[in-house]
Amino acid sequence: QVQAAARAANAHDFVSQLPEGYHTLLGERGTRLSGGERQRIAIARALLRDPPILILDEATSALDMESERLVQEAIDRLMARRTTFVIAHRLATVQHADLIVVLAEGRIVERGTHATLYAAGGLYRRLHDMQFRT
């Protein structure tokens, strides 16, 4: 079960390479791990608990692009078949959500799917275009 959760969280490969694999003690708060590795361990733990409701707060912040991709893949698997609230500044984290709520100065200014918010041309679209400029 633990290894299946680690695989689903994209953590199995790096955990297997630790000095004692799954039996390695990581220390207080996993300080010997990178940010992305800590996030993937947290996702594996959440998969094991299988909660009906999940709250993710800036789950991909402060990660490099490769770590963000691995964490996002794991988050997508974790969110399946459960109610999930995602607090995020990185819009890639919420693009596939059933409902996106955009806040500005503590108020809801927009709500909808990625497609409807983008088409509306408001704050969400401006933020999206700033983040995904090519």
Protein backbone atom coordinates (compact mmCIF):
# COMPACT_ATOMS: atom_id res chain seq x y z
CA GLN A 1 0.00 0.00 0.00
CA VAL A 2 2.77 2.44 0.92
CA GLN A 3 4.70 1.73 -2.28
CA ALA A 4 1.55 2.05 -4.40
CA ALA A 5 0.85 5.46 -2.83
CA ALA A 6 4.47 6.52 -3.41
CA ARG A 7 4.25 5.46 -7.06
CA ALA A 8 0.98 7.39 -7.51
CA ALA A 9 2.64 10.43 -5.91
CA ASN A 10 5.73 10.20 -8.16
CA ALA A 11 7.82 9.56 -5.04
CA HIS A 12 8.83 5.90 -5.44
CA ASP A 13 11.97 6.49 -7.51
CA PHE A 14 13.62 8.95 -5.13
CA VAL A 15 12.47 7.06 -2.01
CA SER A 16 13.97 3.84 -3.40
CA GLN A 17 17.31 5.62 -3.81
CA LEU A 18 17.48 6.80 -0.19
CA PRO A 19 20.17 5.02 1.91
CA GLU A 20 17.63 2.66 3.52
CA GLY A 21 14.85 3.06 0.95
CA TYR A 22 11.43 3.18 2.57
CA HIS A 23 13.01 2.67 6.02
CA THR A 24 15.19 5.81 5.87
CA LEU A 25 14.54 8.29 8.68
CA LEU A 26 14.15 11.71 7.11
CA GLY A 27 14.33 13.86 10.22
CA GLU A 28 12.04 16.57 11.49
CA ARG A 29 9.84 17.93 8.66
CA GLY A 30 11.90 16.12 6.01
CA THR A 31 14.61 18.77 5.97
CA ARG A 32 16.90 16.44 4.01
CA LEU A 33 14.44 16.42 1.10
CA SER A 34 13.90 19.00 -1.62
CA GLY A 35 10.66 20.97 -1.70
CA GLY A 36 9.29 18.82 -4.50
CA GLU A 37 10.20 15.62 -2.67
CA ARG A 38 8.48 16.84 0.50
CA GLN A 39 5.37 17.72 -1.51
CA ARG A 40 5.28 14.26 -3.12
CA ILE A 41 5.68 12.55 0.28
CA ALA A 42 2.76 14.66 1.59
CA ILE A 43 0.67 13.61 -1.43
CA ALA A 44 1.54 9.93 -0.84
CA ARG A 45 0.44 10.29 2.79
CA ALA A 46 -2.82 11.89 1.68
CA LEU A 47 -3.39 9.05 -0.80
CA LEU A 48 -2.96 6.54 2.03
CA ARG A 49 -5.49 8.38 4.21
CA ASP A 50 -7.94 8.67 1.28
CA PRO A 51 -9.86 11.68 2.67
CA PRO A 52 -13.24 12.59 1.13
CA ILE A 53 -12.32 16.30 1.21
CA LEU A 54 -8.88 17.67 0.47
CA ILE A 55 -7.47 21.19 0.89
CA LEU A 56 -4.29 22.06 -1.02
CA ASP A 57 -2.66 25.39 -0.20
CA GLU A 58 -0.05 26.53 -2.73
CA ALA A 59 0.94 22.92 -3.42
CA THR A 60 3.24 23.83 -6.31
CA SER A 61 4.72 27.08 -5.03
CA ALA A 62 8.50 27.42 -4.79
CA LEU A 63 9.16 24.42 -7.04
CA ASP A 64 11.32 24.22 -10.14
CA MET A 65 9.56 23.33 -13.39
CA GLU A 66 10.36 19.58 -13.29
CA SER A 67 9.30 19.24 -9.64
CA GLU A 68 6.14 21.22 -10.38
CA ARG A 69 5.29 18.84 -13.24
CA LEU A 70 5.79 15.76 -11.04
CA VAL A 71 3.80 17.28 -8.16
CA GLN A 72 1.01 18.40 -10.52
CA GLU A 73 0.70 14.88 -11.97
CA ALA A 74 0.47 13.49 -8.44
CA ILE A 75 -2.08 16.14 -7.42
CA ASP A 76 -4.24 15.26 -10.43
CA ARG A 77 -4.33 11.62 -9.25
CA LEU A 78 -4.97 12.68 -5.65
CA MET A 79 -7.92 14.93 -6.59
CA ALA A 80 -9.75 12.18 -8.50
CA ARG A 81 -13.14 11.25 -7.03
CA ARG A 82 -13.01 13.67 -4.10
CA THR A 83 -13.95 17.24 -3.28
CA THR A 84 -10.81 19.37 -3.42
CA PHE A 85 -10.24 23.01 -2.56
CA VAL A 86 -7.08 24.36 -4.18
CA ILE A 87 -5.58 27.68 -3.10
CA ALA A 88 -3.11 28.69 -5.80
CA HIS A 89 -1.37 31.57 -7.47
CA ARG A 90 0.00 29.30 -10.21
CA LEU A 91 -2.95 28.85 -12.53
CA ALA A 92 -1.64 25.59 -14.00
CA THR A 93 -2.69 24.06 -10.68
CA VAL A 94 -6.37 24.91 -11.22
CA GLN A 95 -6.87 24.88 -15.00
CA HIS A 96 -8.74 21.55 -14.96
CA ALA A 97 -10.94 22.37 -11.96
CA ASP A 98 -14.71 22.08 -12.22
CA LEU A 99 -15.04 25.56 -10.72
CA ILE A 100 -12.44 28.31 -10.32
CA VAL A 101 -13.15 31.20 -7.95
CA VAL A 102 -11.02 34.31 -8.52
CA LEU A 103 -10.44 36.57 -5.52
CA ALA A 104 -9.19 40.16 -5.57
CA GLU A 105 -8.80 42.24 -2.42
CA GLY A 106 -10.72 39.65 -0.40
CA ARG A 107 -13.73 39.56 -2.73
CA ILE A 108 -14.94 37.08 -5.33
CA VAL A 109 -14.60 38.85 -8.67
CA GLU A 110 -15.07 35.93 -11.08
CA ARG A 111 -16.10 32.29 -11.05
CA GLY A 112 -16.35 29.62 -13.71
CA THR A 113 -14.30 27.06 -15.59
CA HIS A 114 -10.96 27.86 -17.16
CA ALA A 115 -12.60 28.17 -20.58
CA THR A 116 -15.39 30.50 -19.46
CA LEU A 117 -13.09 32.69 -17.36
CA TYR A 118 -10.52 32.92 -20.12
CA ALA A 119 -13.18 33.80 -22.70
CA ALA A 120 -14.62 36.50 -20.41
CA GLY A 121 -11.37 38.45 -20.67
CA GLY A 122 -11.29 39.59 -17.04
CA LEU A 123 -8.76 39.28 -14.23
CA TYR A 124 -8.33 35.52 -14.65
CA ARG A 125 -7.38 35.95 -18.30
CA ARG A 126 -4.90 38.73 -17.48
CA LEU A 127 -3.28 36.60 -14.78
CA HIS A 128 -3.23 33.58 -17.08
CA ASP A 129 -1.64 35.52 -19.92
CA MET A 130 1.04 36.92 -17.58
CA GLN A 131 1.92 33.43 -16.33
CA PHE A 132 1.89 31.67 -19.68
CA ARG A 133 3.53 34.30 -21.86
CA THR A 134 5.66 32.72 -24.57
